[in-house]
N, C-alpha and C. Protein backbone atom coordinates (compact mmCIF):
# COMPACT_ATOMS: atom_id res chain seq x y z
N MET A 1 -21.24 1.09 7.44
CA MET A 1 -21.06 -0.25 6.91
C MET A 1 -21.80 -1.20 7.83
N PRO A 2 -22.63 -2.08 7.28
CA PRO A 2 -23.38 -3.01 8.11
C PRO A 2 -22.45 -4.00 8.80
N PRO A 3 -22.85 -4.48 9.97
CA PRO A 3 -22.00 -5.44 10.66
C PRO A 3 -21.89 -6.74 9.88
N CYS A 4 -20.75 -7.37 9.98
CA CYS A 4 -20.50 -8.62 9.28
C CYS A 4 -21.19 -9.77 10.02
N THR A 5 -22.01 -10.51 9.34
CA THR A 5 -22.72 -11.63 9.96
C THR A 5 -21.94 -12.91 9.70
N PRO A 6 -22.00 -13.86 10.63
CA PRO A 6 -21.29 -15.12 10.40
C PRO A 6 -21.79 -15.82 9.15
N LEU A 7 -20.87 -16.26 8.34
CA LEU A 7 -21.16 -16.96 7.09
C LEU A 7 -21.99 -16.14 6.12
N GLY A 8 -22.07 -14.84 6.35
CA GLY A 8 -22.80 -13.97 5.44
C GLY A 8 -21.88 -13.46 4.36
N PRO A 9 -22.44 -12.84 3.32
CA PRO A 9 -21.60 -12.32 2.25
C PRO A 9 -20.79 -11.12 2.73
N ALA A 10 -19.52 -11.10 2.40
CA ALA A 10 -18.65 -9.99 2.75
C ALA A 10 -18.37 -9.19 1.50
N SER A 11 -18.48 -7.89 1.60
CA SER A 11 -18.25 -7.03 0.45
C SER A 11 -16.76 -6.84 0.22
N ALA A 12 -16.34 -7.03 -1.00
CA ALA A 12 -14.93 -6.82 -1.34
C ALA A 12 -14.60 -5.34 -1.41
N ASN A 13 -15.62 -4.51 -1.55
CA ASN A 13 -15.40 -3.07 -1.67
C ASN A 13 -15.82 -2.34 -0.40
N ALA A 14 -15.66 -2.94 0.74
CA ALA A 14 -16.11 -2.34 1.99
C ALA A 14 -15.42 -1.01 2.25
N ARG A 15 -14.13 -0.90 1.89
CA ARG A 15 -13.42 0.35 2.11
C ARG A 15 -13.98 1.47 1.26
N VAL A 16 -14.40 1.16 0.07
CA VAL A 16 -14.87 2.18 -0.86
C VAL A 16 -16.32 2.56 -0.59
N GLN A 17 -17.14 1.63 -0.11
CA GLN A 17 -18.56 1.86 0.01
C GLN A 17 -18.98 2.59 1.28
N LYS A 18 -18.08 2.81 2.21
CA LYS A 18 -18.43 3.44 3.46
C LYS A 18 -18.97 4.85 3.19
N LYS A 19 -20.10 5.20 3.81
CA LYS A 19 -20.79 6.45 3.50
C LYS A 19 -20.41 7.61 4.41
N ASN A 20 -19.62 7.39 5.45
CA ASN A 20 -19.27 8.44 6.37
C ASN A 20 -18.52 9.54 5.63
N LYS A 21 -18.93 10.79 5.83
CA LYS A 21 -18.38 11.90 5.06
C LYS A 21 -16.92 12.18 5.41
N THR A 22 -16.49 11.91 6.63
CA THR A 22 -15.12 12.18 7.04
C THR A 22 -14.35 10.89 7.28
N SER A 23 -14.61 9.87 6.49
CA SER A 23 -14.04 8.56 6.75
C SER A 23 -12.57 8.44 6.36
N ARG A 24 -12.03 9.38 5.58
CA ARG A 24 -10.64 9.36 5.13
C ARG A 24 -10.31 8.13 4.29
N LEU A 25 -11.28 7.61 3.60
CA LEU A 25 -11.03 6.49 2.70
C LEU A 25 -10.90 7.04 1.28
N GLU A 26 -10.19 6.30 0.45
CA GLU A 26 -9.99 6.79 -0.90
C GLU A 26 -11.27 6.67 -1.72
N LEU A 27 -11.39 7.52 -2.69
CA LEU A 27 -12.57 7.52 -3.55
C LEU A 27 -12.50 6.38 -4.56
N SER A 28 -13.67 5.88 -4.91
CA SER A 28 -13.71 4.86 -5.96
C SER A 28 -13.47 5.52 -7.31
N PRO A 29 -13.00 4.75 -8.29
CA PRO A 29 -12.79 5.34 -9.62
C PRO A 29 -14.08 5.93 -10.20
N HIS A 30 -15.23 5.32 -9.86
CA HIS A 30 -16.51 5.84 -10.36
C HIS A 30 -16.78 7.23 -9.78
N LYS A 31 -16.58 7.38 -8.46
CA LYS A 31 -16.85 8.67 -7.83
C LYS A 31 -15.88 9.72 -8.35
N ARG A 32 -14.63 9.33 -8.60
CA ARG A 32 -13.67 10.27 -9.18
C ARG A 32 -14.12 10.73 -10.57
N SER A 33 -14.64 9.79 -11.36
CA SER A 33 -15.08 10.15 -12.71
C SER A 33 -16.31 11.05 -12.66
N VAL A 34 -17.19 10.84 -11.67
CA VAL A 34 -18.35 11.73 -11.51
C VAL A 34 -17.88 13.13 -11.17
N ILE A 35 -16.92 13.24 -10.24
CA ILE A 35 -16.38 14.55 -9.86
C ILE A 35 -15.73 15.21 -11.07
N GLU A 36 -14.99 14.41 -11.86
CA GLU A 36 -14.35 14.95 -13.06
C GLU A 36 -15.40 15.45 -14.05
N GLY A 37 -16.46 14.68 -14.24
CA GLY A 37 -17.51 15.09 -15.17
C GLY A 37 -18.21 16.36 -14.74
N LEU A 38 -18.51 16.45 -13.45
CA LEU A 38 -19.15 17.67 -12.94
C LEU A 38 -18.22 18.87 -13.07
N HIS A 39 -16.95 18.66 -12.84
CA HIS A 39 -15.97 19.75 -12.98
C HIS A 39 -15.88 20.21 -14.43
N LYS A 40 -15.84 19.26 -15.36
CA LYS A 40 -15.76 19.61 -16.78
C LYS A 40 -17.06 20.26 -17.27
N ALA A 41 -18.17 19.95 -16.57
CA ALA A 41 -19.45 20.56 -16.94
C ALA A 41 -19.56 21.99 -16.43
N GLY A 42 -18.60 22.40 -15.59
CA GLY A 42 -18.59 23.79 -15.14
C GLY A 42 -19.04 23.99 -13.71
N CYS A 43 -19.27 22.93 -12.96
CA CYS A 43 -19.67 23.07 -11.55
C CYS A 43 -18.47 23.50 -10.72
N PHE A 44 -18.74 24.30 -9.69
CA PHE A 44 -17.70 24.70 -8.76
C PHE A 44 -17.50 23.60 -7.72
N ALA A 45 -16.34 23.64 -7.08
CA ALA A 45 -15.98 22.60 -6.12
C ALA A 45 -16.99 22.50 -4.97
N GLN A 46 -17.49 23.63 -4.50
CA GLN A 46 -18.45 23.61 -3.39
C GLN A 46 -19.73 22.90 -3.80
N ARG A 47 -20.19 23.16 -5.01
CA ARG A 47 -21.42 22.52 -5.50
C ARG A 47 -21.21 21.02 -5.71
N ILE A 48 -20.05 20.64 -6.25
CA ILE A 48 -19.73 19.22 -6.44
C ILE A 48 -19.69 18.53 -5.09
N SER A 49 -19.14 19.21 -4.10
CA SER A 49 -19.06 18.67 -2.74
C SER A 49 -20.45 18.39 -2.19
N GLU A 50 -21.40 19.27 -2.43
CA GLU A 50 -22.77 19.08 -1.95
C GLU A 50 -23.47 17.96 -2.71
N ILE A 51 -23.26 17.90 -4.02
CA ILE A 51 -23.91 16.87 -4.84
C ILE A 51 -23.41 15.48 -4.47
N GLU A 52 -22.10 15.33 -4.33
CA GLU A 52 -21.49 14.02 -4.10
C GLU A 52 -21.33 13.68 -2.63
N ASP A 53 -21.70 14.60 -1.74
CA ASP A 53 -21.61 14.38 -0.30
C ASP A 53 -20.19 14.00 0.13
N THR A 54 -19.23 14.79 -0.36
CA THR A 54 -17.83 14.63 0.01
C THR A 54 -17.30 15.97 0.50
N LEU A 55 -16.14 15.93 1.12
CA LEU A 55 -15.55 17.16 1.62
C LEU A 55 -15.09 18.05 0.47
N HIS A 56 -15.13 19.35 0.70
CA HIS A 56 -14.70 20.32 -0.30
C HIS A 56 -13.24 20.11 -0.65
N SER A 57 -12.40 19.84 0.36
CA SER A 57 -10.97 19.63 0.11
C SER A 57 -10.74 18.37 -0.72
N THR A 58 -11.56 17.34 -0.53
CA THR A 58 -11.44 16.11 -1.30
C THR A 58 -11.73 16.39 -2.78
N VAL A 59 -12.75 17.18 -3.03
CA VAL A 59 -13.10 17.53 -4.41
C VAL A 59 -11.97 18.34 -5.04
N CYS A 60 -11.44 19.32 -4.28
CA CYS A 60 -10.35 20.15 -4.82
C CYS A 60 -9.11 19.31 -5.13
N ASP A 61 -8.76 18.41 -4.21
CA ASP A 61 -7.60 17.55 -4.44
C ASP A 61 -7.82 16.62 -5.62
N THR A 62 -9.03 16.10 -5.76
CA THR A 62 -9.34 15.20 -6.87
C THR A 62 -9.22 15.93 -8.20
N VAL A 63 -9.74 17.14 -8.25
CA VAL A 63 -9.67 17.94 -9.49
C VAL A 63 -8.21 18.29 -9.79
N LYS A 64 -7.44 18.61 -8.77
CA LYS A 64 -6.04 18.99 -8.96
C LYS A 64 -5.21 17.83 -9.49
N LEU A 65 -5.53 16.61 -9.08
CA LEU A 65 -4.74 15.44 -9.45
C LEU A 65 -5.35 14.63 -10.60
N LEU A 66 -6.28 15.20 -11.33
CA LEU A 66 -6.94 14.46 -12.43
C LEU A 66 -5.94 13.97 -13.47
N ASN A 67 -4.98 14.79 -13.83
CA ASN A 67 -4.06 14.42 -14.92
C ASN A 67 -3.04 13.37 -14.50
N THR A 68 -2.81 13.19 -13.20
CA THR A 68 -1.80 12.23 -12.77
C THR A 68 -2.35 10.83 -12.59
N ARG A 69 -3.65 10.67 -12.51
CA ARG A 69 -4.25 9.35 -12.27
C ARG A 69 -4.70 8.73 -13.59
N PRO A 70 -4.22 7.52 -13.89
CA PRO A 70 -4.67 6.85 -15.12
C PRO A 70 -6.09 6.31 -14.97
N LYS A 71 -7.01 6.81 -15.74
CA LYS A 71 -8.41 6.35 -15.75
C LYS A 71 -9.07 6.41 -14.37
N GLY A 72 -8.66 7.35 -13.54
CA GLY A 72 -9.29 7.54 -12.25
C GLY A 72 -8.87 6.57 -11.17
N HIS A 73 -7.94 5.68 -11.46
CA HIS A 73 -7.49 4.70 -10.47
C HIS A 73 -6.42 5.32 -9.59
N SER A 74 -6.32 4.82 -8.37
CA SER A 74 -5.32 5.32 -7.43
C SER A 74 -3.92 4.95 -7.89
N LEU A 75 -2.98 5.81 -7.58
CA LEU A 75 -1.59 5.52 -7.90
C LEU A 75 -1.02 4.57 -6.85
N PRO A 76 -0.06 3.75 -7.21
CA PRO A 76 0.51 2.82 -6.24
C PRO A 76 1.24 3.57 -5.13
N ARG A 77 1.19 3.02 -3.92
CA ARG A 77 1.88 3.61 -2.78
C ARG A 77 3.37 3.31 -2.87
N SER A 78 4.16 4.13 -2.24
CA SER A 78 5.60 3.94 -2.31
C SER A 78 6.04 2.73 -1.48
N GLY A 79 5.36 2.46 -0.39
CA GLY A 79 5.68 1.29 0.42
C GLY A 79 6.87 1.50 1.33
N ARG A 80 7.15 0.51 2.13
CA ARG A 80 8.26 0.58 3.07
C ARG A 80 9.57 0.32 2.34
N PRO A 81 10.61 1.09 2.65
CA PRO A 81 11.89 0.84 2.01
C PRO A 81 12.49 -0.47 2.49
N PRO A 82 13.29 -1.13 1.66
CA PRO A 82 13.88 -2.41 2.08
C PRO A 82 14.84 -2.22 3.25
N ILE A 83 14.87 -3.21 4.14
CA ILE A 83 15.73 -3.14 5.32
C ILE A 83 17.19 -3.35 4.92
N LEU A 84 17.41 -4.28 4.02
CA LEU A 84 18.78 -4.59 3.59
C LEU A 84 18.98 -4.17 2.13
N THR A 85 20.20 -3.76 1.82
CA THR A 85 20.52 -3.44 0.44
C THR A 85 20.83 -4.73 -0.33
N LYS A 86 20.94 -4.61 -1.64
CA LYS A 86 21.28 -5.78 -2.46
C LYS A 86 22.66 -6.32 -2.09
N VAL A 87 23.57 -5.42 -1.77
CA VAL A 87 24.93 -5.83 -1.40
C VAL A 87 24.89 -6.65 -0.11
N GLU A 88 24.11 -6.20 0.87
CA GLU A 88 24.02 -6.93 2.13
C GLU A 88 23.37 -8.29 1.93
N LYS A 89 22.36 -8.34 1.08
CA LYS A 89 21.72 -9.64 0.80
C LYS A 89 22.71 -10.61 0.15
N ARG A 90 23.49 -10.10 -0.81
CA ARG A 90 24.48 -10.96 -1.46
C ARG A 90 25.54 -11.42 -0.47
N SER A 91 25.93 -10.55 0.46
CA SER A 91 26.93 -10.95 1.44
C SER A 91 26.38 -12.02 2.38
N ILE A 92 25.09 -11.94 2.73
CA ILE A 92 24.46 -13.00 3.54
C ILE A 92 24.50 -14.32 2.78
N ILE A 93 24.12 -14.28 1.51
CA ILE A 93 24.09 -15.50 0.69
C ILE A 93 25.50 -16.09 0.57
N ARG A 94 26.49 -15.24 0.32
CA ARG A 94 27.86 -15.71 0.19
C ARG A 94 28.34 -16.34 1.51
N PHE A 95 28.06 -15.67 2.63
CA PHE A 95 28.49 -16.17 3.93
C PHE A 95 27.83 -17.50 4.26
N VAL A 96 26.55 -17.63 3.96
CA VAL A 96 25.83 -18.87 4.26
C VAL A 96 26.34 -20.02 3.39
N HIS A 97 26.68 -19.75 2.14
CA HIS A 97 27.23 -20.80 1.28
C HIS A 97 28.60 -21.26 1.76
N GLU A 98 29.40 -20.32 2.26
CA GLU A 98 30.72 -20.68 2.76
C GLU A 98 30.67 -21.36 4.12
N ASN A 99 29.74 -20.92 4.99
CA ASN A 99 29.62 -21.44 6.35
C ASN A 99 28.24 -22.05 6.54
N VAL A 100 28.08 -23.25 6.08
CA VAL A 100 26.77 -23.90 6.06
C VAL A 100 26.22 -24.10 7.46
N LYS A 101 27.09 -24.37 8.43
CA LYS A 101 26.64 -24.67 9.79
C LYS A 101 26.44 -23.42 10.65
N ALA A 102 26.66 -22.24 10.13
CA ALA A 102 26.55 -21.01 10.91
C ALA A 102 25.10 -20.75 11.30
N THR A 103 24.90 -20.24 12.51
CA THR A 103 23.56 -19.88 12.98
C THR A 103 23.23 -18.47 12.50
N TYR A 104 21.96 -18.08 12.66
CA TYR A 104 21.55 -16.73 12.26
C TYR A 104 22.29 -15.69 13.09
N ALA A 105 22.52 -15.99 14.38
CA ALA A 105 23.23 -15.07 15.24
C ALA A 105 24.67 -14.87 14.76
N GLN A 106 25.29 -15.93 14.32
CA GLN A 106 26.66 -15.83 13.80
C GLN A 106 26.70 -15.04 12.50
N VAL A 107 25.72 -15.25 11.65
CA VAL A 107 25.64 -14.50 10.39
C VAL A 107 25.51 -13.02 10.69
N LYS A 108 24.60 -12.69 11.61
CA LYS A 108 24.36 -11.29 11.95
C LYS A 108 25.61 -10.66 12.58
N GLN A 109 26.28 -11.39 13.43
CA GLN A 109 27.46 -10.87 14.11
C GLN A 109 28.64 -10.69 13.15
N GLN A 110 28.88 -11.69 12.33
CA GLN A 110 30.03 -11.64 11.41
C GLN A 110 29.88 -10.53 10.36
N LEU A 111 28.65 -10.36 9.87
CA LEU A 111 28.42 -9.37 8.81
C LEU A 111 28.03 -8.00 9.36
N GLN A 112 27.90 -7.89 10.68
CA GLN A 112 27.52 -6.65 11.35
C GLN A 112 26.26 -6.04 10.75
N LEU A 113 25.19 -6.84 10.77
CA LEU A 113 23.91 -6.43 10.19
C LEU A 113 23.01 -5.81 11.24
N ASN A 114 22.18 -4.90 10.81
CA ASN A 114 21.18 -4.27 11.68
C ASN A 114 19.79 -4.76 11.31
N CYS A 115 19.58 -6.04 11.33
CA CYS A 115 18.27 -6.58 10.98
C CYS A 115 17.96 -7.72 11.94
N SER A 116 16.73 -8.19 11.87
CA SER A 116 16.33 -9.28 12.77
C SER A 116 16.75 -10.62 12.19
N TYR A 117 16.68 -11.63 13.04
CA TYR A 117 17.00 -12.99 12.59
C TYR A 117 15.99 -13.47 11.56
N ASP A 118 14.75 -13.02 11.69
CA ASP A 118 13.71 -13.41 10.73
C ASP A 118 14.03 -12.89 9.33
N THR A 119 14.60 -11.71 9.24
CA THR A 119 14.98 -11.16 7.94
C THR A 119 16.06 -12.01 7.29
N ILE A 120 17.04 -12.41 8.08
CA ILE A 120 18.10 -13.28 7.57
C ILE A 120 17.51 -14.62 7.15
N ARG A 121 16.60 -15.15 7.97
CA ARG A 121 15.98 -16.44 7.68
C ARG A 121 15.20 -16.37 6.37
N ARG A 122 14.47 -15.28 6.14
CA ARG A 122 13.71 -15.13 4.90
C ARG A 122 14.61 -15.14 3.68
N ILE A 123 15.73 -14.45 3.77
CA ILE A 123 16.68 -14.40 2.64
C ILE A 123 17.26 -15.78 2.37
N VAL A 124 17.62 -16.48 3.43
CA VAL A 124 18.22 -17.81 3.28
C VAL A 124 17.20 -18.81 2.76
N ARG A 125 15.96 -18.72 3.24
CA ARG A 125 14.92 -19.66 2.81
C ARG A 125 14.52 -19.45 1.35
N LYS A 126 14.64 -18.22 0.86
CA LYS A 126 14.33 -17.98 -0.56
C LYS A 126 15.24 -18.79 -1.46
N LEU A 127 16.43 -19.04 -0.98
CA LEU A 127 17.39 -19.83 -1.77
C LEU A 127 17.14 -21.31 -1.65
N GLY A 128 16.27 -21.70 -0.72
CA GLY A 128 16.00 -23.11 -0.53
C GLY A 128 16.92 -23.76 0.49
N ILE A 129 17.68 -22.94 1.21
CA ILE A 129 18.58 -23.44 2.25
C ILE A 129 17.82 -23.43 3.57
N LYS A 130 17.76 -24.55 4.24
CA LYS A 130 17.08 -24.61 5.53
C LYS A 130 18.11 -24.72 6.63
N LYS A 131 17.96 -23.92 7.64
CA LYS A 131 18.89 -23.95 8.79
C LYS A 131 18.17 -24.45 10.01
């Protein structure tokens, strides 16, 4: 990938366009469709790997997961699980409504929460309550 110049154009697809063979970046939908087409045409994984300049394992994994990807696009990641449950969030909201003057430390102590003050602040601010 070329170095970024000040005030120069930045590519929105920089992650996809990197040419390094072992870069561990996800394939573009176009490259996936090319691999799919070569596979349907009867090419073996090793030959597709040489043609597309990708790892053999990447080609095998792409062919194996063809049916699970809609139109060659990546599936959404699972993401980080929420820190607080819905019940805990509701209890924070209920406590804050009842005790308007309570600090974040008091909320955390009274409800015996295992989260940071910033997490409590985010929940309270979503309601439009400023402390």
